[in-house]
Amino acid sequence: MTRIVALLLSLCSMATGASPAMAQARALERGNGPEPSTLDAHVCQEVACGNVLRDLYEGLVTEDARGRLVPGMAERWSVSADGRTWTFHLREGLRWSNGEPLDAVQVVASFRRAFAPQTAAPFAEQFDAVLHAPEVRAGKLQPTRLGIDAPDARTVRVRTSRQVALPALLTLPIAFPVYLPAVERHGNQHTRPGRLVGNGAYRLAAWTPQAHLVVERNPHFHAAASVRIPRVRFHVTEDAAAELQRFIAGDLHLTETVPPQPLAKLRARHGARLRLSPYLGAFWLGLNTTQPPLKDAPQLREALSLAVDRDKLTRYITGFGETPAYGVVPPGIPGYAPASLHWSGWTQARREARAKALYRAAGYSDANPLTIELRYNTSTPHRRMALAVAAMWRDTLGVRVRLRNEEWKVFVQNRRQRAITQVFRGGWIGDVADARNFLVGFADDGALNWMGYDDPRYTAAMRRADLARSEAARNAWLRAAETRLLNAHVAIPLYFYTSKHLVDDGVRGFEPNPLDRHPSRWMSFAER
């Protein structure tokens, strides 16, 4: 197959006068991690689909290469004096990727579809500040009651029940306008090539499952003239080691991650092509509190957390500047002081002694060891992490661990259903620089509460944060909620992320940013 592709490129270059290298440079080859679970913008909940959707769609507000908020569909916006009514003025002449006009009425209709209960949008709870959004999501009110309307064809108005940093939220895929005629005509299949209609810098050209997706420049995009790269191929790269080899071989211009290796060795080999930067993300293991053996077993859950040596994990297993985590909200969020487990300052020896005492108090011993399953999605870094944690539990407590790896879509489904999971790979990548974004998923029995955490006092603290009249009071209540969540030991924090990519020398416009978002529209190839 490789020889055939090379031959075709050679023939193409003979016909056009271009070299094979120039022909290949026409497309940006991006590693993208696992197969996207969906390209329905309202249902997407992971990085893999978000990366593609940010090429195919644009919200009212978008981000530049450095993650700064800039106008998207809306050329400008304003907020009322009380901070509860936002008005967005659309650009003139907006069009869908099929050439049809795009106006405010369609944007509003898309929002209504996003919050309708039958859509089951996992990020809908992030918008609970929008007037009537919780009631619409719960099916108590019709979507037409949602606090989003269109006073005219070029104006979208959003009313909220409290003050909220709405523009940042509008960069999430759930806020992208979905072309409803395609949804009505094709249902779940509206995301397929030839059917998906977006409004972003690119449009979907091809999708080969478990291989790659191809997007091509959208001529109807309002800033199409500034989009320098005409085609982008998003490759499925679940195996980070294989992705690295493809980058070295020249098959990829950009990797989604870098496999665990000694950092000095990687720097020596790749130099400036290795891009490391701070990242608002937390990696933790979730514990299913709705099923035995972890249900009604806080002592056992804490013992498992205490037995993990986070310093060793970040020094020897990850090794890219990650920091040990003793909370679920990462540092770096303006105005917020993250909570941490009360024993975060202990030595590891003291933690392990306490872990053994709690393990015995929970009824387990060498004669009666705990047998438990640790589930993770297929990935070299995740496998290494799972092996290391399993070894720590075995050596410190005598726990017998069964490792289960699953393809991403299967893993996500099992994690959400909470039927067969016990311990599982979890974590959260920030959608916005806000502590609430890392905490709200545990406040109700929604699609993001994979552990089945149910605590009215936690929910009450989150509600008090939402109603706070000052940023200081809001952050205090959020910190109280995080502390309560940590004391329940329903998650085992492991580390806070850094973003890590390899970027080809010929790629321009790849800029570090705290949310690690890199839409292709801002990139270009260096002139040769």
Protein backbone atom coordinates (compact mmCIF):
# COMPACT_ATOMS: atom_id res chain seq x y z
CA MET A 1 0.00 0.00 0.00
CA THR A 2 2.85 2.41 0.87
CA ARG A 3 4.46 1.81 -2.54
CA ILE A 4 1.15 2.46 -4.29
CA VAL A 5 0.71 5.76 -2.44
CA ALA A 6 4.27 6.78 -3.32
CA LEU A 7 3.68 5.92 -6.98
CA LEU A 8 0.47 7.96 -7.08
CA LEU A 9 2.23 10.93 -5.51
CA SER A 10 5.03 10.61 -8.06
CA LEU A 11 2.58 10.54 -10.97
CA CYS A 12 0.74 13.51 -9.50
CA SER A 13 3.96 15.51 -9.22
CA MET A 14 4.89 14.69 -12.84
CA ALA A 15 1.52 15.97 -14.00
CA THR A 16 1.56 19.18 -11.97
CA GLY A 17 5.26 19.95 -11.80
CA ALA A 18 5.25 19.58 -8.00
CA SER A 19 7.61 17.34 -6.06
CA PRO A 20 6.25 14.44 -3.93
CA ALA A 21 7.32 16.34 -0.80
CA MET A 22 5.31 19.37 -1.89
CA ALA A 23 2.29 17.16 -2.66
CA GLN A 24 2.46 15.61 0.81
CA ALA A 25 2.83 19.05 2.41
CA ARG A 26 -0.61 19.96 1.13
CA ALA A 27 -2.12 18.05 4.07
CA LEU A 28 -1.37 18.45 7.76
CA GLU A 29 -0.96 15.01 9.30
CA ARG A 30 -2.09 15.09 12.95
CA GLY A 31 -1.99 12.33 15.54
CA ASN A 32 -5.27 12.47 17.47
CA GLY A 33 -5.29 9.67 20.04
CA PRO A 34 -8.27 7.27 20.11
CA GLU A 35 -11.03 7.02 17.55
CA PRO A 36 -13.50 9.89 18.19
CA SER A 37 -16.60 8.49 19.85
CA THR A 38 -18.79 10.90 17.88
CA LEU A 39 -18.76 14.02 15.72
CA ASP A 40 -22.07 15.20 17.12
CA ALA A 41 -20.91 18.45 18.68
CA HIS A 42 -23.60 18.35 21.37
CA VAL A 43 -22.61 14.86 22.54
CA CYS A 44 -18.80 15.04 22.35
CA GLN A 45 -17.14 14.67 25.75
CA GLU A 46 -13.48 13.86 25.02
CA VAL A 47 -10.38 15.46 23.54
CA ALA A 48 -10.31 13.29 20.40
CA CYS A 49 -13.65 14.50 19.07
CA GLY A 50 -13.12 18.03 20.38
CA ASN A 51 -9.96 18.42 18.30
CA VAL A 52 -11.82 17.57 15.10
CA LEU A 53 -14.95 19.54 15.97
CA ARG A 54 -12.95 22.74 16.50
CA ASP A 55 -11.95 22.46 12.83
CA LEU A 56 -15.47 21.69 11.62
CA TYR A 57 -17.40 24.24 13.70
CA GLU A 58 -17.17 27.67 15.23
CA GLY A 59 -19.17 29.03 18.16
CA LEU A 60 -20.30 32.55 18.90
CA VAL A 61 -16.91 33.00 20.57
CA THR A 62 -13.71 31.17 19.66
CA GLU A 63 -10.04 31.09 20.64
CA ASP A 64 -6.87 32.11 18.86
CA ALA A 65 -3.71 29.98 18.69
CA ARG A 66 -2.69 31.04 22.21
CA GLY A 67 -6.07 30.27 23.72
CA ARG A 68 -7.27 33.87 23.98
CA LEU A 69 -10.98 34.58 23.44
CA VAL A 70 -11.67 36.19 20.06
CA PRO A 71 -14.81 36.78 17.97
CA GLY A 72 -16.27 33.71 16.29
CA MET A 73 -19.70 33.82 14.67
CA ALA A 74 -20.30 36.93 16.75
CA GLU A 75 -18.29 39.95 15.66
CA ARG A 76 -18.92 41.58 19.07
CA TRP A 77 -20.86 41.09 22.30
CA SER A 78 -21.89 42.94 25.43
CA VAL A 79 -23.30 42.18 28.88
CA SER A 80 -25.89 44.05 30.92
CA ALA A 81 -25.04 45.99 34.07
CA ASP A 82 -26.29 43.16 36.32
CA GLY A 83 -24.21 40.59 34.40
CA ARG A 84 -27.22 38.44 33.53
CA THR A 85 -28.02 39.30 29.91
CA TRP A 86 -25.48 38.74 27.16
CA THR A 87 -26.06 40.02 23.63
CA PHE A 88 -24.09 38.63 20.68
CA HIS A 89 -24.10 40.38 17.30
CA LEU A 90 -23.43 37.99 14.41
CA ARG A 91 -21.16 38.70 11.47
CA GLU A 92 -22.90 39.59 8.24
CA GLY A 93 -23.15 36.87 5.61
CA LEU A 94 -22.50 33.78 7.77
CA ARG A 95 -22.98 30.50 5.91
CA TRP A 96 -23.02 26.79 6.60
CA SER A 97 -20.45 24.62 4.87
CA ASN A 98 -23.08 23.70 2.25
CA GLY A 99 -23.46 27.37 1.33
CA GLU A 100 -26.82 27.98 2.98
CA PRO A 101 -27.26 31.13 5.11
CA LEU A 102 -26.72 30.80 8.86
CA ASP A 103 -28.66 33.18 11.09
CA ALA A 104 -29.46 33.74 14.76
CA VAL A 105 -32.71 31.79 14.64
CA GLN A 106 -30.80 28.64 13.63
CA VAL A 107 -28.21 29.23 16.35
CA VAL A 108 -30.98 29.42 18.95
CA ALA A 109 -32.65 26.28 17.59
CA SER A 110 -29.33 24.44 17.90
CA PHE A 111 -28.98 25.49 21.54
CA ARG A 112 -32.46 24.17 22.22
CA ARG A 113 -31.53 20.84 20.71
CA ALA A 114 -28.34 20.75 22.81
CA PHE A 115 -30.25 21.11 26.08
CA ALA A 116 -33.19 18.88 25.22
CA PRO A 117 -33.25 15.80 27.49
CA GLN A 118 -33.29 13.38 24.55
CA THR A 119 -29.93 14.74 23.36
CA ALA A 120 -28.34 13.77 26.71
CA ALA A 121 -25.50 16.21 26.18
CA PRO A 122 -22.80 15.38 28.76
CA PHE A 123 -21.63 19.01 29.05
CA ALA A 124 -25.13 20.50 29.43
CA GLU A 125 -24.64 20.87 33.18
CA GLN A 126 -21.79 23.32 32.51
CA PHE A 127 -24.49 25.75 31.33
CA ASP A 128 -26.82 25.52 34.31
CA ALA A 129 -26.49 29.30 34.75
CA VAL A 130 -28.50 29.81 31.54
CA LEU A 131 -32.06 30.66 32.50
CA HIS A 132 -34.25 27.51 32.69
CA ALA A 133 -31.44 25.27 31.38
CA PRO A 134 -31.66 22.78 34.31
CA GLU A 135 -35.45 22.50 33.93
CA VAL A 136 -35.19 22.00 30.16
CA ARG A 137 -32.47 19.39 30.61
CA ALA A 138 -34.64 17.54 33.14
CA GLY A 139 -37.66 17.62 30.82
CA LYS A 140 -39.65 19.88 33.19
CA LEU A 141 -39.84 22.70 30.63
CA GLN A 142 -39.96 22.75 26.86
CA PRO A 143 -36.72 23.77 25.06
CA THR A 144 -38.50 26.90 23.84
CA ARG A 145 -38.37 28.14 27.46
CA LEU A 146 -34.57 28.12 27.43
CA GLY A 147 -33.15 31.56 28.17
CA ILE A 148 -31.65 31.95 24.69
CA ASP A 149 -33.52 33.78 21.94
CA ALA A 150 -33.03 35.74 18.72
CA PRO A 151 -34.42 39.31 18.77
CA ASP A 152 -33.52 39.50 15.07
CA ALA A 153 -31.65 37.51 12.42
CA ARG A 154 -28.22 38.77 13.51
CA THR A 155 -28.64 38.87 17.29
CA VAL A 156 -28.47 36.09 19.89
CA ARG A 157 -29.45 36.95 23.44
CA VAL A 158 -28.59 34.77 26.44
CA ARG A 159 -30.19 35.35 29.83
CA THR A 160 -28.69 33.77 32.94
CA SER A 161 -29.90 33.19 36.50
CA ARG A 162 -26.56 34.33 37.94
CA GLN A 163 -23.36 35.97 36.82
CA VAL A 164 -21.18 33.63 34.78
CA ALA A 165 -18.17 33.91 32.47
CA LEU A 166 -20.28 32.96 29.48
CA PRO A 167 -17.90 33.73 26.56
CA ALA A 168 -15.41 31.09 27.74
CA LEU A 169 -18.16 28.46 27.96
CA LEU A 170 -19.24 29.25 24.41
CA THR A 171 -15.98 27.79 23.10
CA LEU A 172 -17.17 24.28 24.09
CA PRO A 173 -18.50 21.97 21.34
CA ILE A 174 -21.97 21.86 22.94
CA ALA A 175 -22.26 25.56 22.01
CA PHE A 176 -21.46 24.94 18.33
CA PRO A 177 -24.39 25.33 15.89
CA VAL A 178 -25.56 21.95 14.58
CA TYR A 179 -27.33 21.90 11.20
CA LEU A 180 -30.73 20.58 12.24
CA PRO A 181 -32.09 19.62 8.77
CA ALA A 182 -29.33 16.98 8.57
CA VAL A 183 -30.20 15.73 12.07
CA GLU A 184 -33.87 15.43 11.11
CA ARG A 185 -33.04 13.69 7.85
CA HIS A 186 -30.26 11.33 8.99
CA GLY A 187 -30.53 11.07 12.78
CA ASN A 188 -27.32 9.80 14.37
CA GLN A 189 -25.82 9.37 10.92
CA HIS A 190 -25.75 13.14 10.27
CA THR A 191 -22.09 13.09 11.33
CA ARG A 192 -20.95 11.04 8.33
CA PRO A 193 -19.02 12.49 5.37
CA GLY A 194 -21.37 14.04 2.84
CA ARG A 195 -23.98 14.60 5.58
CA LEU A 196 -22.19 16.60 8.24
CA VAL A 197 -22.79 20.31 7.70
CA GLY A 198 -20.72 22.63 9.87
CA ASN A 199 -19.71 26.26 9.89
CA GLY A 200 -16.02 26.10 10.73
CA ALA A 201 -12.78 26.56 8.86
CA TYR A 202 -12.97 23.00 7.49
CA ARG A 203 -15.59 20.49 6.38
CA LEU A 204 -15.56 16.71 6.73
CA ALA A 205 -14.27 14.96 3.60
CA ALA A 206 -13.68 11.36 4.76
CA TRP A 207 -13.81 9.14 7.82
CA THR A 208 -12.20 5.72 7.82
CA PRO A 209 -13.00 4.08 11.19
CA GLN A 210 -9.98 3.22 13.32
CA ALA A 211 -7.70 4.88 10.76
CA HIS A 212 -8.22 8.58 10.12
CA LEU A 213 -10.56 11.48 9.40
CA VAL A 214 -9.90 13.99 6.64
CA VAL A 215 -11.14 17.58 6.67
CA GLU A 216 -10.76 20.10 3.86
CA ARG A 217 -10.92 23.86 3.79
CA ASN A 218 -14.47 25.23 3.87
CA PRO A 219 -14.83 27.88 1.12
CA HIS A 220 -17.93 29.30 2.87
CA PHE A 221 -16.11 30.03 6.16
CA HIS A 222 -16.12 33.76 6.88
CA ALA A 223 -12.32 33.80 7.19
CA ALA A 224 -11.53 31.15 4.55
CA ALA A 225 -8.89 33.37 2.93
CA SER A 226 -6.79 33.22 6.11
CA VAL A 227 -6.86 29.40 6.40
CA ARG A 228 -3.44 28.40 5.09
CA ILE A 229 -3.59 24.59 5.17
CA PRO A 230 -6.15 23.15 2.71
CA ARG A 231 -6.44 19.61 4.11
CA VAL A 232 -5.92 18.01 7.51
CA ARG A 233 -5.81 14.30 8.28
CA PHE A 234 -6.53 13.32 11.90
CA HIS A 235 -4.95 9.90 12.50
CA VAL A 236 -6.16 7.45 15.14
CA THR A 237 -3.07 6.96 17.34
CA GLU A 238 -4.11 5.08 20.47
CA ASP A 239 -0.61 3.64 20.89
CA ALA A 240 1.70 6.52 21.84
CA ALA A 241 4.83 4.49 21.04
CA ALA A 242 3.58 3.73 17.54
CA GLU A 243 2.61 7.40 17.12
CA LEU A 244 6.17 8.40 18.00
CA GLN A 245 7.58 6.04 15.39
CA ARG A 246 5.24 7.48 12.76
CA PHE A 247 6.45 10.97 13.62
CA ILE A 248 10.09 9.89 13.35
CA ALA A 249 9.33 8.27 9.98
CA GLY A 250 7.81 11.54 8.72
CA ASP A 251 4.23 10.24 8.54
CA LEU A 252 2.96 12.79 11.08
CA HIS A 253 3.57 16.51 11.43
CA LEU A 254 2.08 16.67 14.92
CA THR A 255 1.56 14.10 17.68
CA GLU A 256 -1.24 14.06 20.22
CA THR A 257 1.13 13.00 22.99
CA VAL A 258 4.57 11.52 23.63
CA PRO A 259 5.12 8.08 25.22
CA PRO A 260 6.89 7.83 28.58
CA GLN A 261 10.63 8.00 27.99
CA PRO A 262 13.55 9.69 29.74
CA LEU A 263 13.05 13.39 29.12
CA ALA A 264 16.75 14.08 28.54
CA LYS A 265 16.83 11.43 25.81
CA LEU A 266 13.79 12.91 24.07
CA ARG A 267 15.21 16.43 24.23
CA ALA A 268 18.53 15.25 22.84
CA ARG A 269 16.84 13.51 19.93
CA HIS A 270 14.07 15.96 19.08
CA GLY A 271 15.28 19.32 20.35
CA ALA A 272 12.83 22.16 19.67
CA ARG A 273 10.33 19.76 18.11
CA LEU A 274 9.44 18.55 21.62
CA ARG A 275 6.86 20.97 23.04
CA LEU A 276 6.10 20.78 26.78
CA SER A 277 3.90 23.30 28.56
CA PRO A 278 1.62 23.62 31.63
CA TYR A 279 -1.83 22.19 31.13
CA LEU A 280 -5.07 22.46 33.11
CA GLY A 281 -5.69 18.78 33.57
CA ALA A 282 -5.86 16.23 36.38
CA PHE A 283 -5.36 12.46 36.15
CA TRP A 284 -7.05 10.28 38.75
CA LEU A 285 -8.46 6.82 39.23
CA GLY A 286 -12.20 6.64 39.76
CA LEU A 287 -13.76 4.25 42.28
CA ASN A 288 -17.23 2.88 41.58
CA THR A 289 -19.09 3.55 44.82
CA THR A 290 -22.34 1.97 43.59
CA GLN A 291 -21.05 -1.61 43.49
CA PRO A 292 -19.05 -3.85 45.86
CA PRO A 293 -16.33 -4.05 47.00
CA LEU A 294 -15.96 -0.24 47.08
CA LYS A 295 -19.55 0.62 47.93
CA ASP A 296 -19.93 1.74 51.57
CA ALA A 297 -16.18 1.16 52.09
CA PRO A 298 -14.50 4.54 52.72
CA GLN A 299 -11.67 2.96 54.75
CA LEU A 300 -10.79 0.60 51.91
CA ARG A 301 -10.97 3.41 49.35
CA GLU A 302 -8.64 5.58 51.44
CA ALA A 303 -6.23 2.67 51.93
CA LEU A 304 -5.93 2.25 48.17
CA SER A 305 -5.24 5.96 47.77
CA LEU A 306 -2.63 6.07 50.54
CA ALA A 307 -0.74 3.11 49.09
CA VAL A 308 0.04 4.91 45.80
CA ASP A 309 3.45 6.60 45.71
CA ARG A 310 2.75 9.60 43.50
CA ASP A 311 6.34 10.83 43.59
CA LYS A 312 7.53 7.59 42.01
CA LEU A 313 4.76 7.72 39.42
CA THR A 314 5.67 11.20 38.22
CA ARG A 315 9.42 10.60 38.41
CA TYR A 316 9.66 7.19 36.76
CA ILE A 317 6.39 6.49 34.92
CA THR A 318 5.31 9.82 33.40
CA GLY A 319 8.51 11.87 33.56
CA PHE A 320 7.42 14.96 31.62
CA GLY A 321 7.19 17.48 34.43
CA GLU A 322 3.86 16.26 35.82
CA THR A 323 3.35 17.06 39.49
CA PRO A 324 1.94 14.67 42.13
CA ALA A 325 -1.76 15.33 42.75
CA TYR A 326 -3.58 15.25 46.05
CA GLY A 327 -6.70 17.00 44.75
CA VAL A 328 -8.85 17.07 41.64
CA VAL A 329 -8.52 20.76 40.68
CA PRO A 330 -5.09 21.61 39.22
CA PRO A 331 -3.09 24.69 40.21
CA GLY A 332 -3.04 27.72 37.94
CA ILE A 333 -6.70 28.75 38.01
CA PRO A 334 -6.87 32.49 38.81
CA GLY A 335 -8.17 33.22 42.32
CA TYR A 336 -8.58 29.57 43.35
CA ALA A 337 -6.50 27.79 46.02
CA PRO A 338 -6.93 24.05 45.35
CA ALA A 339 -7.82 21.68 48.19
CA SER A 340 -5.71 18.63 48.96
CA LEU A 341 -5.91 15.40 50.94
CA HIS A 342 -5.11 16.01 54.60
CA TRP A 343 -2.16 13.60 54.49
CA SER A 344 -0.53 15.14 51.42
CA GLY A 345 2.38 16.39 53.57
CA TRP A 346 3.13 12.98 55.13
CA THR A 347 6.08 10.84 54.14
CA GLN A 348 5.26 7.88 51.94
CA ALA A 349 6.28 5.49 54.72
CA ARG A 350 3.73 7.06 57.05
CA ARG A 351 1.05 6.89 54.36
CA GLU A 352 1.73 3.22 53.74
CA ALA A 353 1.56 2.41 57.45
CA ARG A 354 -1.83 4.12 57.63
CA ALA A 355 -2.94 2.31 54.45
CA LYS A 356 -2.15 -1.08 56.03
CA ALA A 357 -4.12 -0.23 59.17
CA LEU A 358 -7.17 0.89 57.17
CA TYR A 359 -6.94 -2.18 54.92
CA ARG A 360 -7.05 -4.46 57.95
CA ALA A 361 -9.89 -2.45 59.49
CA ALA A 362 -11.85 -2.95 56.26
CA GLY A 363 -11.60 -6.74 56.80
CA TYR A 364 -8.75 -7.65 54.44
CA SER A 365 -5.44 -9.38 55.15
CA ASP A 366 -2.85 -11.68 53.59
CA ALA A 367 -5.21 -14.56 54.27
CA ASN A 368 -8.19 -12.66 52.86
CA PRO A 369 -6.79 -10.35 50.17
CA LEU A 370 -8.84 -7.90 48.15
CA THR A 371 -9.25 -8.87 44.50
CA ILE A 372 -10.12 -5.92 42.33
CA GLU A 373 -10.21 -4.91 38.67
CA LEU A 374 -8.46 -1.83 37.26
CA ARG A 375 -9.86 -0.79 33.89
CA TYR A 376 -8.27 1.62 31.41
CA ASN A 377 -8.58 2.55 27.75
CA THR A 378 -5.95 1.19 25.37
CA SER A 379 -2.86 3.39 25.58
CA THR A 380 0.81 2.80 26.33
CA PRO A 381 1.00 5.49 29.08
CA HIS A 382 -2.22 4.24 30.68
CA ARG A 383 -0.97 0.65 30.68
CA ARG A 384 2.30 1.69 32.32
CA MET A 385 0.38 3.65 34.94
CA ALA A 386 -1.99 0.74 35.63
CA LEU A 387 0.91 -1.70 36.00
CA ALA A 388 2.71 0.63 38.42
CA VAL A 389 -0.37 1.22 40.60
CA ALA A 390 -1.18 -2.49 40.63
CA ALA A 391 2.38 -3.25 41.79
CA MET A 392 2.14 -0.67 44.60
CA TRP A 393 -1.15 -2.11 45.83
CA ARG A 394 0.26 -5.63 45.71
CA ASP A 395 3.54 -4.81 47.47
CA THR A 396 2.05 -2.54 50.15
CA LEU A 397 -1.30 -4.22 50.87
CA GLY A 398 -1.28 -7.60 49.16
CA VAL A 399 -4.13 -6.63 46.80
CA ARG A 400 -4.66 -8.85 43.78
CA VAL A 401 -5.32 -6.69 40.73
CA ARG A 402 -6.78 -7.74 37.39
CA LEU A 403 -5.98 -5.28 34.60
CA ARG A 404 -8.56 -4.70 31.86
CA ASN A 405 -7.84 -2.58 28.82
CA GLU A 406 -10.59 -1.62 26.37
CA GLU A 407 -10.97 0.30 23.11
CA TRP A 408 -12.01 3.88 23.88
CA LYS A 409 -15.70 3.70 22.92
CA VAL A 410 -16.24 0.49 24.93
CA PHE A 411 -14.35 1.91 27.89
CA VAL A 412 -16.39 5.14 27.90
CA GLN A 413 -19.66 3.21 27.77
CA ASN A 414 -18.70 0.87 30.61
CA ARG A 415 -17.44 3.72 32.74
CA ARG A 416 -20.66 5.67 32.28
CA GLN A 417 -22.93 2.71 33.06
CA ARG A 418 -21.20 1.89 36.38
CA ALA A 419 -22.27 -1.76 36.11
CA ILE A 420 -19.01 -3.70 35.74
CA THR A 421 -16.37 -1.12 36.63
CA GLN A 422 -14.54 -1.16 39.96
CA VAL A 423 -11.43 1.02 39.61
CA PHE A 424 -10.99 2.85 36.33
CA ARG A 425 -8.88 5.43 34.59
CA GLY A 426 -10.45 8.85 35.11
CA GLY A 427 -9.38 12.46 35.13
CA TRP A 428 -10.47 15.73 33.65
CA ILE A 429 -9.06 18.13 31.09
CA GLY A 430 -10.20 21.69 31.72
CA ASP A 431 -12.80 23.08 29.35
CA VAL A 432 -12.42 26.54 30.87
CA ALA A 433 -10.03 27.93 33.50
CA ASP A 434 -12.53 27.54 36.33
CA ALA A 435 -12.50 25.22 39.36
CA ARG A 436 -16.23 24.61 38.91
CA ASN A 437 -15.48 22.88 35.61
CA PHE A 438 -13.56 20.17 37.47
CA LEU A 439 -16.17 19.73 40.21
CA VAL A 440 -19.64 20.12 38.74
CA GLY A 441 -19.76 16.62 37.26
CA PHE A 442 -19.98 15.11 40.77
CA ALA A 443 -22.86 17.33 41.88
CA ASP A 444 -25.65 15.18 40.45
CA ASP A 445 -26.25 11.75 38.94
CA GLY A 446 -25.34 12.92 35.45
CA ALA A 447 -23.31 11.47 32.61
CA LEU A 448 -20.01 12.68 34.08
CA ASN A 449 -20.46 11.22 37.59
CA TRP A 450 -18.73 7.95 36.75
CA MET A 451 -18.17 7.05 40.42
CA GLY A 452 -21.82 7.39 41.43
CA TYR A 453 -20.89 9.94 44.11
CA ASP A 454 -24.02 11.05 45.95
CA ASP A 455 -23.64 13.63 48.71
CA PRO A 456 -26.31 16.29 49.36
CA ARG A 457 -23.82 18.42 51.28
CA TYR A 458 -21.46 18.46 48.31
CA THR A 459 -24.33 19.46 46.03
CA ALA A 460 -25.35 22.17 48.49
CA ALA A 461 -21.81 23.59 48.53
CA MET A 462 -21.79 23.73 44.74
CA ARG A 463 -25.16 25.49 44.80
CA ARG A 464 -23.87 28.03 47.33
CA ALA A 465 -20.90 28.68 45.02
CA ASP A 466 -23.27 29.36 42.14
CA LEU A 467 -25.25 31.85 44.22
CA ALA A 468 -22.21 33.64 45.70
CA ARG A 469 -22.11 37.38 45.16
CA SER A 470 -18.33 37.70 45.00
CA GLU A 471 -15.56 35.74 43.33
CA ALA A 472 -13.86 35.19 46.68
CA ALA A 473 -17.01 33.69 48.21
CA ARG A 474 -17.60 31.56 45.13
CA ASN A 475 -14.08 30.12 45.27
CA ALA A 476 -14.41 29.46 49.01
CA TRP A 477 -17.53 27.37 48.46
CA LEU A 478 -15.90 25.54 45.55
CA ARG A 479 -12.93 24.73 47.75
CA ALA A 480 -15.28 23.45 50.46
CA ALA A 481 -16.91 21.20 47.87
CA GLU A 482 -13.55 19.89 46.65
CA THR A 483 -12.47 19.16 50.23
CA ARG A 484 -15.64 17.17 50.85
CA LEU A 485 -15.16 15.23 47.62
CA LEU A 486 -11.58 14.35 48.58
CA ASN A 487 -12.59 13.25 52.08
CA ALA A 488 -15.06 10.79 50.54
CA HIS A 489 -12.19 9.08 48.69
CA VAL A 490 -14.24 8.33 45.58
CA ALA A 491 -11.26 9.20 43.39
CA ILE A 492 -7.53 8.63 43.75
CA PRO A 493 -5.70 11.74 42.46
CA LEU A 494 -2.41 10.78 40.80
CA TYR A 495 -0.91 13.75 38.95
CA PHE A 496 -1.53 17.06 37.21
CA TYR A 497 -0.80 17.11 33.51
CA THR A 498 1.64 18.84 31.27
CA SER A 499 0.85 18.97 27.56
CA LYS A 500 3.41 17.18 25.42
CA HIS A 501 3.61 17.08 21.65
CA LEU A 502 6.12 16.62 18.89
CA VAL A 503 5.76 19.24 16.16
CA ASP A 504 7.50 19.09 12.82
CA ASP A 505 10.03 21.85 12.09
CA GLY A 506 8.01 22.90 9.06
CA VAL A 507 4.80 23.64 11.00
CA ARG A 508 4.10 27.20 12.05
CA GLY A 509 1.37 28.53 14.36
CA PHE A 510 1.36 25.77 16.99
CA GLU A 511 1.30 27.78 20.22
CA PRO A 512 1.23 26.55 23.84
CA ASN A 513 -1.92 27.37 25.81
CA PRO A 514 -3.32 26.18 29.17
CA LEU A 515 -6.22 24.23 27.61
CA ASP A 516 -3.98 22.62 24.94
CA ARG A 517 -6.30 23.45 22.03
CA HIS A 518 -4.76 23.77 18.60
CA PRO A 519 -7.28 24.40 15.78
CA SER A 520 -5.72 23.79 12.37
CA ARG A 521 -6.93 27.15 11.02
CA TRP A 522 -4.12 28.94 12.87
CA MET A 523 -1.35 26.69 11.50
CA SER A 524 0.64 26.87 8.29
CA PHE A 525 3.66 25.31 6.63
CA ALA A 526 6.96 27.14 6.44
CA GLU A 527 7.89 28.24 2.96
CA ARG A 528 10.54 26.06 1.41
